[in-house]
Amino acid sequence: MSLGSQIAWDDTVLPFQLDRSDIRGRVARLDGVLDQVLSQHNYPPQIEALVAEAALLTALIGQTIKLRWKLSLQIRGDGPARLIATDYFAPAEDGAPAWIRAYASFDEDRLDPEAKPFDLIGKGYFAVLIDQGRDMVPYQGITPIAGGSLSACAETYFAQSEQLPTRFSLSFGRAMLPGQGERWRAGGVMLQMMPEASPFAAQGGGSGDKGLLIADDILDGDEAENWHRANTLLDTVEDIELVGPRVQPTDLLVRLFHEETPRVFDPQPVQFGCTCSEDRVRQSLSIYSAKDIGHMTTDEGIVTADCQFCGAHYELDPTTLGFEAEKDPDDDG
């Protein structure tokens, strides 16, 4: 594989369809975008792993939905990893890159260096939020933390909330390529039954962790056979094939699913991006009174704000903030 081919497939999501099985899917490769997401912060390795997995899931899921603006994942728990938050912003136009950003909130004093990253979340929930923009009602779907990984939580969400059998196979970690320093790479494959299929819903509780639904609970007949066959093929994938960069996504699909008649569509480029701005900070503070703004003012006489996603730092004049602002922010006087 040439360096040019490697660069072409890094930070992309490739949609595909298995015509024989009525299954759609995505192959994602995150290289520079993931390294940028994680370089904004100094996370411990376990938190980095959780953010990497969440960012990869966000890229795969976000590209699947007919999105006009933003898809978000939020993972909240009562453990030391309190919050993992990610956003996927749809491309502004055909051919433009989608944006991804992510961050984590955690209690460093409670971290167990021997614990598995997923176990640091504790009890909580996995939420998918879809915001299609102005004048649209946001959608939110929630499923309990269960299954042993964030990808298992996402599979449960689709089975439980959308009645769509879904499978993720992910790999992520630090890698060092010849002539390059160590950096984060991630790759994954998503499989999902076509939405127009009418799944069979088993009676009673699900057979998954905590009684939640899994794919076997909502499939029968030919659909179940097709699903199991595609998953058996995906079980043969190796981490090095998922992460790359030596194996191209198109070659991977042929290797895995050549008997399922794979068909690929235009790849979607992704990049790190953030929508924070001084105007947005001012807007978020516009609901506060002058007294509230006073409590936020530092000894230096300014109000500061930091973006959790990209690390941008803002310093603002308190007299220009809140609904009782004394001055216009554009007034130099």
C-alpha atoms as a PDB file:
ATOM      1  CA  MET A   1       0.000   0.000   0.000  1.00  0.00           C
ATOM      2  CA  SER A   2       1.420   3.384  -1.008  1.00  0.00           C
ATOM      3  CA  LEU A   3       1.717   6.374   1.306  1.00  0.00           C
ATOM      4  CA  GLY A   4      -0.775   8.177  -0.921  1.00  0.00           C
ATOM      5  CA  SER A   5      -3.342   5.425  -0.454  1.00  0.00           C
ATOM      6  CA  GLN A   6      -2.776   5.467   3.296  1.00  0.00           C
ATOM      7  CA  ILE A   7      -3.365   9.213   3.487  1.00  0.00           C
ATOM      8  CA  ALA A   8      -6.441   8.954   1.265  1.00  0.00           C
ATOM      9  CA  TRP A   9      -8.151   6.511   3.645  1.00  0.00           C
ATOM     10  CA  ASP A  10      -7.087   8.023   6.967  1.00  0.00           C
ATOM     11  CA  ASP A  11      -9.857  10.037   8.648  1.00  0.00           C
ATOM     12  CA  THR A  12     -12.634   8.693   6.454  1.00  0.00           C
ATOM     13  CA  VAL A  13     -15.870   6.752   6.833  1.00  0.00           C
ATOM     14  CA  LEU A  14     -16.685   4.413   3.937  1.00  0.00           C
ATOM     15  CA  PRO A  15     -20.377   3.425   3.548  1.00  0.00           C
ATOM     16  CA  PHE A  16     -21.125   0.016   2.062  1.00  0.00           C
ATOM     17  CA  GLN A  17     -23.950  -2.428   1.516  1.00  0.00           C
ATOM     18  CA  LEU A  18     -24.044  -6.226   1.436  1.00  0.00           C
ATOM     19  CA  ASP A  19     -26.621  -6.839  -1.290  1.00  0.00           C
ATOM     20  CA  ARG A  20     -27.023 -10.547  -0.621  1.00  0.00           C
ATOM     21  CA  SER A  21     -27.836  -9.983   3.060  1.00  0.00           C
ATOM     22  CA  ASP A  22     -29.775  -6.686   3.086  1.00  0.00           C
ATOM     23  CA  ILE A  23     -27.178  -5.338   5.501  1.00  0.00           C
ATOM     24  CA  ARG A  24     -25.591  -1.916   5.384  1.00  0.00           C
ATOM     25  CA  GLY A  25     -22.399  -0.854   7.081  1.00  0.00           C
ATOM     26  CA  ARG A  26     -19.537   1.554   7.533  1.00  0.00           C
ATOM     27  CA  VAL A  27     -15.759   1.225   7.724  1.00  0.00           C
ATOM     28  CA  ALA A  28     -14.072   4.052   9.635  1.00  0.00           C
ATOM     29  CA  ARG A  29     -10.407   4.991   9.973  1.00  0.00           C
ATOM     30  CA  LEU A  30      -9.415   7.757  12.389  1.00  0.00           C
ATOM     31  CA  ASP A  31      -5.819   8.907  12.523  1.00  0.00           C
ATOM     32  CA  GLY A  32      -5.075  12.623  12.640  1.00  0.00           C
ATOM     33  CA  VAL A  33      -8.567  13.530  13.827  1.00  0.00           C
ATOM     34  CA  LEU A  34      -8.312  11.204  16.843  1.00  0.00           C
ATOM     35  CA  ASP A  35      -4.830  12.433  17.660  1.00  0.00           C
ATOM     36  CA  GLN A  36      -6.144  16.019  17.599  1.00  0.00           C
ATOM     37  CA  VAL A  37      -9.114  15.154  19.808  1.00  0.00           C
ATOM     38  CA  LEU A  38      -6.884  13.583  22.443  1.00  0.00           C
ATOM     39  CA  SER A  39      -4.033  16.097  22.213  1.00  0.00           C
ATOM     40  CA  GLN A  40      -6.329  18.851  23.487  1.00  0.00           C
ATOM     41  CA  HIS A  41      -6.104  17.259  26.948  1.00  0.00           C
ATOM     42  CA  ASN A  42      -3.722  15.349  29.175  1.00  0.00           C
ATOM     43  CA  TYR A  43      -5.904  12.312  29.860  1.00  0.00           C
ATOM     44  CA  PRO A  44      -4.764   9.180  31.706  1.00  0.00           C
ATOM     45  CA  PRO A  45      -4.489   6.150  29.373  1.00  0.00           C
ATOM     46  CA  GLN A  46      -7.796   4.602  30.485  1.00  0.00           C
ATOM     47  CA  ILE A  47      -9.703   7.830  29.839  1.00  0.00           C
ATOM     48  CA  GLU A  48      -7.959   8.198  26.471  1.00  0.00           C
ATOM     49  CA  ALA A  49      -9.188   4.721  25.544  1.00  0.00           C
ATOM     50  CA  LEU A  50     -12.794   5.595  26.447  1.00  0.00           C
ATOM     51  CA  VAL A  51     -12.667   8.829  24.443  1.00  0.00           C
ATOM     52  CA  ALA A  52     -11.094   7.007  21.473  1.00  0.00           C
ATOM     53  CA  GLU A  53     -13.824   4.349  21.479  1.00  0.00           C
ATOM     54  CA  ALA A  54     -16.576   6.964  21.811  1.00  0.00           C
ATOM     55  CA  ALA A  55     -15.126   9.086  18.984  1.00  0.00           C
ATOM     56  CA  LEU A  56     -14.921   6.062  16.687  1.00  0.00           C
ATOM     57  CA  LEU A  57     -18.521   5.090  17.459  1.00  0.00           C
ATOM     58  CA  THR A  58     -19.587   8.674  16.802  1.00  0.00           C
ATOM     59  CA  ALA A  59     -17.970   8.662  13.360  1.00  0.00           C
ATOM     60  CA  LEU A  60     -19.634   5.372  12.427  1.00  0.00           C
ATOM     61  CA  ILE A  61     -23.098   6.244  13.757  1.00  0.00           C
ATOM     62  CA  GLY A  62     -23.081   9.870  12.613  1.00  0.00           C
ATOM     63  CA  GLN A  63     -22.436   8.937   9.002  1.00  0.00           C
ATOM     64  CA  THR A  64     -25.304   6.419   9.082  1.00  0.00           C
ATOM     65  CA  ILE A  65     -28.000   8.954   9.960  1.00  0.00           C
ATOM     66  CA  LYS A  66     -29.489  11.450   7.501  1.00  0.00           C
ATOM     67  CA  LEU A  67     -28.138  14.279   9.567  1.00  0.00           C
ATOM     68  CA  ARG A  68     -28.743  17.966   8.956  1.00  0.00           C
ATOM     69  CA  TRP A  69     -26.721  19.259  11.879  1.00  0.00           C
ATOM     70  CA  LYS A  70     -25.416  17.322  14.880  1.00  0.00           C
ATOM     71  CA  LEU A  71     -25.333  13.882  16.492  1.00  0.00           C
ATOM     72  CA  SER A  72     -23.994  13.550  20.035  1.00  0.00           C
ATOM     73  CA  LEU A  73     -23.100  10.662  22.296  1.00  0.00           C
ATOM     74  CA  GLN A  74     -23.133  11.138  26.060  1.00  0.00           C
ATOM     75  CA  ILE A  75     -21.937   8.478  28.459  1.00  0.00           C
ATOM     76  CA  ARG A  76     -22.600   9.327  32.109  1.00  0.00           C
ATOM     77  CA  GLY A  77     -21.780   7.170  35.109  1.00  0.00           C
ATOM     78  CA  ASP A  78     -21.278   7.232  38.852  1.00  0.00           C
ATOM     79  CA  GLY A  79     -17.705   5.950  38.586  1.00  0.00           C
ATOM     80  CA  PRO A  80     -14.494   7.962  38.235  1.00  0.00           C
ATOM     81  CA  ALA A  81     -15.185   8.406  34.488  1.00  0.00           C
ATOM     82  CA  ARG A  82     -18.130  10.731  35.020  1.00  0.00           C
ATOM     83  CA  LEU A  83     -18.793  11.860  31.462  1.00  0.00           C
ATOM     84  CA  ILE A  84     -17.660  11.100  27.910  1.00  0.00           C
ATOM     85  CA  ALA A  85     -19.182  13.512  25.387  1.00  0.00           C
ATOM     86  CA  THR A  86     -18.785  13.530  21.612  1.00  0.00           C
ATOM     87  CA  ASP A  87     -20.288  15.504  18.728  1.00  0.00           C
ATOM     88  CA  TYR A  88     -20.488  14.733  15.013  1.00  0.00           C
ATOM     89  CA  PHE A  89     -21.387  17.708  12.808  1.00  0.00           C
ATOM     90  CA  ALA A  90     -22.776  16.871   9.380  1.00  0.00           C
ATOM     91  CA  PRO A  91     -20.852  18.249   6.380  1.00  0.00           C
ATOM     92  CA  ALA A  92     -22.042  21.676   5.262  1.00  0.00           C
ATOM     93  CA  GLU A  93     -22.222  20.487   1.645  1.00  0.00           C
ATOM     94  CA  ASP A  94     -21.512  17.431  -0.499  1.00  0.00           C
ATOM     95  CA  GLY A  95     -17.824  16.590  -0.467  1.00  0.00           C
ATOM     96  CA  ALA A  96     -17.083  18.700   2.604  1.00  0.00           C
ATOM     97  CA  PRO A  97     -15.669  17.000   5.729  1.00  0.00           C
ATOM     98  CA  ALA A  98     -17.768  16.194   8.757  1.00  0.00           C
ATOM     99  CA  TRP A  99     -16.486  17.500  12.101  1.00  0.00           C
ATOM    100  CA  ILE A 100     -15.842  15.461  15.235  1.00  0.00           C
ATOM    101  CA  ARG A 101     -14.988  16.626  18.726  1.00  0.00           C
ATOM    102  CA  ALA A 102     -14.916  14.866  22.121  1.00  0.00           C
ATOM    103  CA  TYR A 103     -13.951  15.316  25.744  1.00  0.00           C
ATOM    104  CA  ALA A 104     -14.119  13.558  29.113  1.00  0.00           C
ATOM    105  CA  SER A 105     -14.784  14.607  32.695  1.00  0.00           C
ATOM    106  CA  PHE A 106     -13.276  12.348  35.344  1.00  0.00           C
ATOM    107  CA  ASP A 107     -12.266  12.166  38.997  1.00  0.00           C
ATOM    108  CA  GLU A 108      -8.534  11.514  38.923  1.00  0.00           C
ATOM    109  CA  ASP A 109      -8.367  10.714  42.653  1.00  0.00           C
ATOM    110  CA  ARG A 110     -10.776   7.790  42.174  1.00  0.00           C
ATOM    111  CA  LEU A 111      -9.066   6.216  39.159  1.00  0.00           C
ATOM    112  CA  ASP A 112      -7.890   2.635  39.642  1.00  0.00           C
ATOM    113  CA  PRO A 113      -4.866   2.105  37.357  1.00  0.00           C
ATOM    114  CA  GLU A 114      -5.575  -1.635  37.280  1.00  0.00           C
ATOM    115  CA  ALA A 115      -9.226  -1.303  36.245  1.00  0.00           C
ATOM    116  CA  LYS A 116     -10.486  -1.804  32.713  1.00  0.00           C
ATOM    117  CA  PRO A 117     -11.485   1.497  31.105  1.00  0.00           C
ATOM    118  CA  PHE A 118     -15.163   0.532  30.781  1.00  0.00           C
ATOM    119  CA  ASP A 119     -15.386  -0.416  34.459  1.00  0.00           C
ATOM    120  CA  LEU A 120     -14.462   3.165  35.402  1.00  0.00           C
ATOM    121  CA  ILE A 121     -17.874   4.371  34.196  1.00  0.00           C
ATOM    122  CA  GLY A 122     -19.855   2.477  36.822  1.00  0.00           C
ATOM    123  CA  LYS A 123     -23.644   2.597  36.729  1.00  0.00           C
ATOM    124  CA  GLY A 124     -25.165   5.100  34.361  1.00  0.00           C
ATOM    125  CA  TYR A 125     -26.501   5.552  30.862  1.00  0.00           C
ATOM    126  CA  PHE A 126     -25.509   5.720  27.213  1.00  0.00           C
ATOM    127  CA  ALA A 127     -27.396   8.427  25.313  1.00  0.00           C
ATOM    128  CA  VAL A 128     -27.738   9.271  21.638  1.00  0.00           C
ATOM    129  CA  LEU A 129     -28.887  12.805  20.882  1.00  0.00           C
ATOM    130  CA  ILE A 130     -29.823  14.042  17.399  1.00  0.00           C
ATOM    131  CA  ASP A 131     -30.273  17.760  16.795  1.00  0.00           C
ATOM    132  CA  GLN A 132     -31.383  18.603  13.267  1.00  0.00           C
ATOM    133  CA  GLY A 133     -31.015  22.333  13.810  1.00  0.00           C
ATOM    134  CA  ARG A 134     -33.177  25.384  14.291  1.00  0.00           C
ATOM    135  CA  ASP A 135     -36.973  24.863  14.594  1.00  0.00           C
ATOM    136  CA  MET A 136     -36.526  21.081  14.919  1.00  0.00           C
ATOM    137  CA  VAL A 137     -37.301  19.087  18.060  1.00  0.00           C
ATOM    138  CA  PRO A 138     -34.141  17.257  19.258  1.00  0.00           C
ATOM    139  CA  TYR A 139     -34.311  13.484  19.651  1.00  0.00           C
ATOM    140  CA  GLN A 140     -32.822  11.626  22.621  1.00  0.00           C
ATOM    141  CA  GLY A 141     -32.525   7.881  23.141  1.00  0.00           C
ATOM    142  CA  ILE A 142     -31.098   6.336  26.322  1.00  0.00           C
ATOM    143  CA  THR A 143     -29.984   2.854  27.309  1.00  0.00           C
ATOM    144  CA  PRO A 144     -28.321   1.678  30.550  1.00  0.00           C
ATOM    145  CA  ILE A 145     -24.571   1.116  30.736  1.00  0.00           C
ATOM    146  CA  ALA A 146     -24.246  -2.618  30.110  1.00  0.00           C
ATOM    147  CA  GLY A 147     -22.412  -5.238  28.087  1.00  0.00           C
ATOM    148  CA  GLY A 148     -18.783  -4.578  28.945  1.00  0.00           C
ATOM    149  CA  SER A 149     -17.895  -1.919  26.330  1.00  0.00           C
ATOM    150  CA  LEU A 150     -19.172   1.283  24.787  1.00  0.00           C
ATOM    151  CA  SER A 151     -19.675  -0.544  21.478  1.00  0.00           C
ATOM    152  CA  ALA A 152     -21.892  -3.082  23.296  1.00  0.00           C
ATOM    153  CA  CYS A 153     -23.892  -0.164  24.746  1.00  0.00           C
ATOM    154  CA  ALA A 154     -24.355   1.231  21.237  1.00  0.00           C
ATOM    155  CA  GLU A 155     -25.518  -2.170  19.959  1.00  0.00           C
ATOM    156  CA  THR A 156     -28.024  -2.349  22.800  1.00  0.00           C
ATOM    157  CA  TYR A 157     -29.263   1.163  22.033  1.00  0.00           C
ATOM    158  CA  PHE A 158     -30.056   0.240  18.423  1.00  0.00           C
ATOM    159  CA  ALA A 159     -31.740  -3.038  19.400  1.00  0.00           C
ATOM    160  CA  GLN A 160     -33.700  -1.531  22.282  1.00  0.00           C
ATOM    161  CA  SER A 161     -34.639   1.910  20.913  1.00  0.00           C
ATOM    162  CA  GLU A 162     -34.588   1.454  17.127  1.00  0.00           C
ATOM    163  CA  GLN A 163     -35.271  -2.289  16.750  1.00  0.00           C
ATOM    164  CA  LEU A 164     -32.259  -2.418  14.406  1.00  0.00           C
ATOM    165  CA  PRO A 165     -29.778  -5.296  14.806  1.00  0.00           C
ATOM    166  CA  THR A 166     -26.349  -3.635  14.851  1.00  0.00           C
ATOM    167  CA  ARG A 167     -22.803  -4.866  15.334  1.00  0.00           C
ATOM    168  CA  PHE A 168     -19.551  -2.977  15.929  1.00  0.00           C
ATOM    169  CA  SER A 169     -16.034  -4.370  15.645  1.00  0.00           C
ATOM    170  CA  LEU A 170     -13.517  -1.765  16.820  1.00  0.00           C
ATOM    171  CA  SER A 171      -9.803  -1.437  17.462  1.00  0.00           C
ATOM    172  CA  PHE A 172      -7.889   1.552  18.779  1.00  0.00           C
ATOM    173  CA  GLY A 173      -4.635   2.423  20.488  1.00  0.00           C
ATOM    174  CA  ARG A 174      -1.259   4.081  20.096  1.00  0.00           C
ATOM    175  CA  ALA A 175       0.761   3.078  17.045  1.00  0.00           C
ATOM    176  CA  MET A 176       4.104   4.032  15.565  1.00  0.00           C
ATOM    177  CA  LEU A 177       4.586   3.951  11.807  1.00  0.00           C
ATOM    178  CA  PRO A 178       7.985   4.095  10.077  1.00  0.00           C
ATOM    179  CA  GLY A 179       9.291   7.655  10.026  1.00  0.00           C
ATOM    180  CA  GLN A 180       6.552   8.908  12.349  1.00  0.00           C
ATOM    181  CA  GLY A 181       6.196   9.393  16.076  1.00  0.00           C
ATOM    182  CA  GLU A 182       3.740   7.512  18.241  1.00  0.00           C
ATOM    183  CA  ARG A 183       0.139   8.599  17.740  1.00  0.00           C
ATOM    184  CA  TRP A 184      -3.389   7.364  18.213  1.00  0.00           C
ATOM    185  CA  ARG A 185      -5.122   5.347  15.501  1.00  0.00           C
ATOM    186  CA  ALA A 186      -8.540   3.756  15.452  1.00  0.00           C
ATOM    187  CA  GLY A 187     -10.575   1.733  13.021  1.00  0.00           C
ATOM    188  CA  GLY A 188     -13.834  -0.130  12.994  1.00  0.00           C
ATOM    189  CA  VAL A 189     -16.627  -1.796  11.074  1.00  0.00           C
ATOM    190  CA  MET A 190     -20.327  -1.282  11.695  1.00  0.00           C
ATOM    191  CA  LEU A 191     -22.994  -3.691  10.422  1.00  0.00           C
ATOM    192  CA  GLN A 192     -26.715  -2.955  10.560  1.00  0.00           C
ATOM    193  CA  MET A 193     -29.821  -4.571   9.106  1.00  0.00           C
ATOM    194  CA  MET A 194     -31.525  -2.342   6.564  1.00  0.00           C
ATOM    195  CA  PRO A 195     -34.146  -0.164   8.286  1.00  0.00           C
ATOM    196  CA  GLU A 196     -36.945  -1.234   5.914  1.00  0.00           C
ATOM    197  CA  ALA A 197     -36.701  -4.798   7.223  1.00  0.00           C
ATOM    198  CA  SER A 198     -39.483  -5.625   9.704  1.00  0.00           C
ATOM    199  CA  PRO A 199     -37.751  -7.198  12.698  1.00  0.00           C
ATOM    200  CA  PHE A 200     -39.366  -9.878  14.786  1.00  0.00           C
ATOM    201  CA  ALA A 201     -39.601  -8.847  18.444  1.00  0.00           C
ATOM    202  CA  ALA A 202     -39.347 -11.675  20.938  1.00  0.00           C
ATOM    203  CA  GLN A 203     -41.981 -11.739  23.664  1.00  0.00           C
ATOM    204  CA  GLY A 204     -40.938 -10.901  27.207  1.00  0.00           C
ATOM    205  CA  GLY A 205     -37.600  -9.487  28.289  1.00  0.00           C
ATOM    206  CA  GLY A 206     -34.476  -9.461  26.187  1.00  0.00           C
ATOM    207  CA  SER A 207     -31.708 -12.030  26.460  1.00  0.00           C
ATOM    208  CA  GLY A 208     -28.900  -9.475  26.758  1.00  0.00           C
ATOM    209  CA  ASP A 209     -27.161  -8.080  29.819  1.00  0.00           C
ATOM    210  CA  LYS A 210     -29.690  -6.784  32.405  1.00  0.00           C
ATOM    211  CA  GLY A 211     -32.562  -8.199  30.328  1.00  0.00           C
ATOM    212  CA  LEU A 212     -31.983  -5.800  27.431  1.00  0.00           C
ATOM    213  CA  LEU A 213     -32.698  -6.684  23.811  1.00  0.00           C
ATOM    214  CA  ILE A 214     -30.001  -7.989  21.477  1.00  0.00           C
ATOM    215  CA  ALA A 215     -30.070  -8.807  17.753  1.00  0.00           C
ATOM    216  CA  ASP A 216     -31.194 -12.410  18.324  1.00  0.00           C
ATOM    217  CA  ASP A 217     -34.315 -11.113  20.090  1.00  0.00           C
ATOM    218  CA  ILE A 218     -35.530  -9.098  17.101  1.00  0.00           C
ATOM    219  CA  LEU A 219     -34.677 -11.362  14.145  1.00  0.00           C
ATOM    220  CA  ASP A 220     -35.969 -14.633  12.797  1.00  0.00           C
ATOM    221  CA  GLY A 221     -36.122 -16.558   9.522  1.00  0.00           C
ATOM    222  CA  ASP A 222     -33.994 -15.446   6.576  1.00  0.00           C
ATOM    223  CA  GLU A 223     -33.041 -12.163   8.246  1.00  0.00           C
ATOM    224  CA  ALA A 224     -31.600 -14.021  11.231  1.00  0.00           C
ATOM    225  CA  GLU A 225     -29.663 -16.380   8.952  1.00  0.00           C
ATOM    226  CA  ASN A 226     -28.252 -13.483   6.918  1.00  0.00           C
ATOM    227  CA  TRP A 227     -27.315 -11.598  10.076  1.00  0.00           C
ATOM    228  CA  HIS A 228     -25.534 -14.537  11.672  1.00  0.00           C
ATOM    229  CA  ARG A 229     -23.618 -15.286   8.476  1.00  0.00           C
ATOM    230  CA  ALA A 230     -22.362 -11.684   8.136  1.00  0.00           C
ATOM    231  CA  ASN A 231     -21.375 -11.603  11.807  1.00  0.00           C
ATOM    232  CA  THR A 232     -19.490 -14.877  11.498  1.00  0.00           C
ATOM    233  CA  LEU A 233     -17.493 -13.350   8.650  1.00  0.00           C
ATOM    234  CA  LEU A 234     -16.823 -10.179  10.673  1.00  0.00           C
ATOM    235  CA  ASP A 235     -15.567 -12.326  13.551  1.00  0.00           C
ATOM    236  CA  THR A 236     -12.523 -13.175  11.407  1.00  0.00           C
ATOM    237  CA  VAL A 237     -11.302  -9.556  11.214  1.00  0.00           C
ATOM    238  CA  GLU A 238      -7.968  -8.751  12.863  1.00  0.00           C
ATOM    239  CA  ASP A 239      -7.059  -5.575  14.738  1.00  0.00           C
ATOM    240  CA  ILE A 240      -4.373  -4.647  12.212  1.00  0.00           C
ATOM    241  CA  GLU A 241      -6.975  -4.826   9.429  1.00  0.00           C
ATOM    242  CA  LEU A 242      -9.324  -2.505  11.301  1.00  0.00           C
ATOM    243  CA  VAL A 243      -6.764   0.100  12.317  1.00  0.00           C
ATOM    244  CA  GLY A 244      -4.725   0.023   9.103  1.00  0.00           C
ATOM    245  CA  PRO A 245      -3.025   1.699   7.480  1.00  0.00           C
ATOM    246  CA  ARG A 246      -1.644  -1.128   5.336  1.00  0.00           C
ATOM    247  CA  VAL A 247      -5.016  -2.697   4.489  1.00  0.00           C
ATOM    248  CA  GLN A 248      -7.337  -0.448   2.506  1.00  0.00           C
ATOM    249  CA  PRO A 249     -11.012  -0.456   3.610  1.00  0.00           C
ATOM    250  CA  THR A 250     -12.127  -1.625   0.158  1.00  0.00           C
ATOM    251  CA  ASP A 251      -9.718  -4.564   0.295  1.00  0.00           C
ATOM    252  CA  LEU A 252     -10.922  -5.375   3.803  1.00  0.00           C
ATOM    253  CA  LEU A 253     -14.545  -5.531   2.639  1.00  0.00           C
ATOM    254  CA  VAL A 254     -13.641  -7.886  -0.210  1.00  0.00           C
ATOM    255  CA  ARG A 255     -11.629 -10.080   2.146  1.00  0.00           C
ATOM    256  CA  LEU A 256     -14.457 -10.284   4.685  1.00  0.00           C
ATOM    257  CA  PHE A 257     -17.615 -10.225   2.603  1.00  0.00           C
ATOM    258  CA  HIS A 258     -16.824 -11.171  -1.001  1.00  0.00           C
ATOM    259  CA  GLU A 259     -19.621 -13.786  -0.991  1.00  0.00           C
ATOM    260  CA  GLU A 260     -22.137 -11.196   0.283  1.00  0.00           C
ATOM    261  CA  THR A 261     -21.722  -8.942  -2.806  1.00  0.00           C
ATOM    262  CA  PRO A 262     -20.360  -5.808  -1.119  1.00  0.00           C
ATOM    263  CA  ARG A 263     -21.071  -2.468  -2.775  1.00  0.00           C
ATOM    264  CA  VAL A 264     -19.325   0.724  -1.652  1.00  0.00           C
ATOM    265  CA  PHE A 265     -20.380   4.359  -1.837  1.00  0.00           C
ATOM    266  CA  ASP A 266     -18.488   7.649  -1.685  1.00  0.00           C
ATOM    267  CA  PRO A 267     -16.292   7.943   1.431  1.00  0.00           C
ATOM    268  CA  GLN A 268     -16.993  10.719   3.924  1.00  0.00           C
ATOM    269  CA  PRO A 269     -13.919  12.630   5.136  1.00  0.00           C
ATOM    270  CA  VAL A 270     -13.884  13.667   8.796  1.00  0.00           C
ATOM    271  CA  GLN A 271     -11.764  16.159  10.692  1.00  0.00           C
ATOM    272  CA  PHE A 272     -11.451  17.633  14.156  1.00  0.00           C
ATOM    273  CA  GLY A 273     -13.594  20.733  14.517  1.00  0.00           C
ATOM    274  CA  CYS A 274     -15.239  22.852  17.177  1.00  0.00           C
ATOM    275  CA  THR A 275     -18.121  25.326  17.012  1.00  0.00           C
ATOM    276  CA  CYS A 276     -17.205  27.313  20.104  1.00  0.00           C
ATOM    277  CA  SER A 277     -16.834  31.091  19.756  1.00  0.00           C
ATOM    278  CA  GLU A 278     -16.922  34.246  21.852  1.00  0.00           C
ATOM    279  CA  ASP A 279     -20.448  34.943  20.583  1.00  0.00           C
ATOM    280  CA  ARG A 280     -21.625  31.533  21.792  1.00  0.00           C
ATOM    281  CA  VAL A 281     -20.077  32.129  25.213  1.00  0.00           C
ATOM    282  CA  ARG A 282     -21.846  35.481  25.431  1.00  0.00           C
ATOM    283  CA  GLN A 283     -25.119  33.882  24.403  1.00  0.00           C
ATOM    284  CA  SER A 284     -24.798  31.212  27.098  1.00  0.00           C
ATOM    285  CA  LEU A 285     -24.225  33.938  29.710  1.00  0.00           C
ATOM    286  CA  SER A 286     -27.091  36.121  28.506  1.00  0.00           C
ATOM    287  CA  ILE A 287     -29.544  34.500  30.952  1.00  0.00           C
ATOM    288  CA  TYR A 288     -27.625  35.742  34.018  1.00  0.00           C
ATOM    289  CA  SER A 289     -28.170  38.910  36.016  1.00  0.00           C
ATOM    290  CA  ALA A 290     -25.467  41.457  36.805  1.00  0.00           C
ATOM    291  CA  LYS A 291     -25.261  39.957  40.318  1.00  0.00           C
ATOM    292  CA  ASP A 292     -24.668  36.476  38.876  1.00  0.00           C
ATOM    293  CA  ILE A 293     -22.038  37.836  36.489  1.00  0.00           C
ATOM    294  CA  GLY A 294     -20.372  39.513  39.454  1.00  0.00           C
ATOM    295  CA  HIS A 295     -19.975  36.148  41.174  1.00  0.00           C
ATOM    296  CA  MET A 296     -18.251  34.822  38.037  1.00  0.00           C
ATOM    297  CA  THR A 297     -15.837  37.758  37.805  1.00  0.00           C
ATOM    298  CA  THR A 298     -12.220  37.068  38.786  1.00  0.00           C
ATOM    299  CA  ASP A 299     -10.011  39.246  40.984  1.00  0.00           C
ATOM    300  CA  GLU A 300      -8.559  40.624  37.756  1.00  0.00           C
ATOM    301  CA  GLY A 301     -11.959  41.986  36.787  1.00  0.00           C
ATOM    302  CA  ILE A 302     -12.731  39.603  33.921  1.00  0.00           C
ATOM    303  CA  VAL A 303     -14.979  36.620  33.269  1.00  0.00           C
ATOM    304  CA  THR A 304     -13.176  33.618  31.818  1.00  0.00           C
ATOM    305  CA  ALA A 305     -14.490  30.582  29.943  1.00  0.00           C
ATOM    306  CA  ASP A 306     -12.746  27.533  28.547  1.00  0.00           C
ATOM    307  CA  CYS A 307     -14.053  25.181  25.859  1.00  0.00           C
ATOM    308  CA  GLN A 308     -13.932  21.607  27.125  1.00  0.00           C
ATOM    309  CA  PHE A 309     -13.663  20.275  23.570  1.00  0.00           C
ATOM    310  CA  CYS A 310     -10.872  22.318  21.985  1.00  0.00           C
ATOM    311  CA  GLY A 311      -9.296  24.145  24.942  1.00  0.00           C
ATOM    312  CA  ALA A 312     -10.042  27.652  23.611  1.00  0.00           C
ATOM    313  CA  HIS A 313      -9.795  30.283  26.370  1.00  0.00           C
ATOM    314  CA  TYR A 314     -11.999  33.375  26.468  1.00  0.00           C
ATOM    315  CA  GLU A 315     -11.606  36.489  28.624  1.00  0.00           C
ATOM    316  CA  LEU A 316     -14.613  38.808  28.691  1.00  0.00           C
ATOM    317  CA  ASP A 317     -15.529  42.193  30.156  1.00  0.00           C
ATOM    318  CA  PRO A 318     -18.249  41.530  32.781  1.00  0.00           C
ATOM    319  CA  THR A 319     -20.011  44.814  31.972  1.00  0.00           C
ATOM    320  CA  THR A 320     -20.828  43.427  28.514  1.00  0.00           C
ATOM    321  CA  LEU A 321     -22.399  40.187  29.794  1.00  0.00           C
ATOM    322  CA  GLY A 322     -25.852  39.073  30.928  1.00  0.00           C
ATOM    323  CA  PHE A 323     -29.289  40.531  30.374  1.00  0.00           C
ATOM    324  CA  GLU A 324     -28.331  43.596  32.396  1.00  0.00           C
ATOM    325  CA  ALA A 325     -25.179  44.366  30.404  1.00  0.00           C
ATOM    326  CA  GLU A 326     -24.024  47.965  30.729  1.00  0.00           C
ATOM    327  CA  LYS A 327     -22.060  48.084  27.494  1.00  0.00           C
ATOM    328  CA  ASP A 328     -22.154  46.606  24.032  1.00  0.00           C
ATOM    329  CA  PRO A 329     -19.201  44.215  23.479  1.00  0.00           C
ATOM    330  CA  ASP A 330     -18.321  46.121  20.300  1.00  0.00           C
ATOM    331  CA  ASP A 331     -18.172  49.439  22.158  1.00  0.00           C
ATOM    332  CA  ASP A 332     -14.549  50.515  22.587  1.00  0.00           C
ATOM    333  CA  GLY A 333     -15.478  53.358  24.851  1.00  0.00           C
END
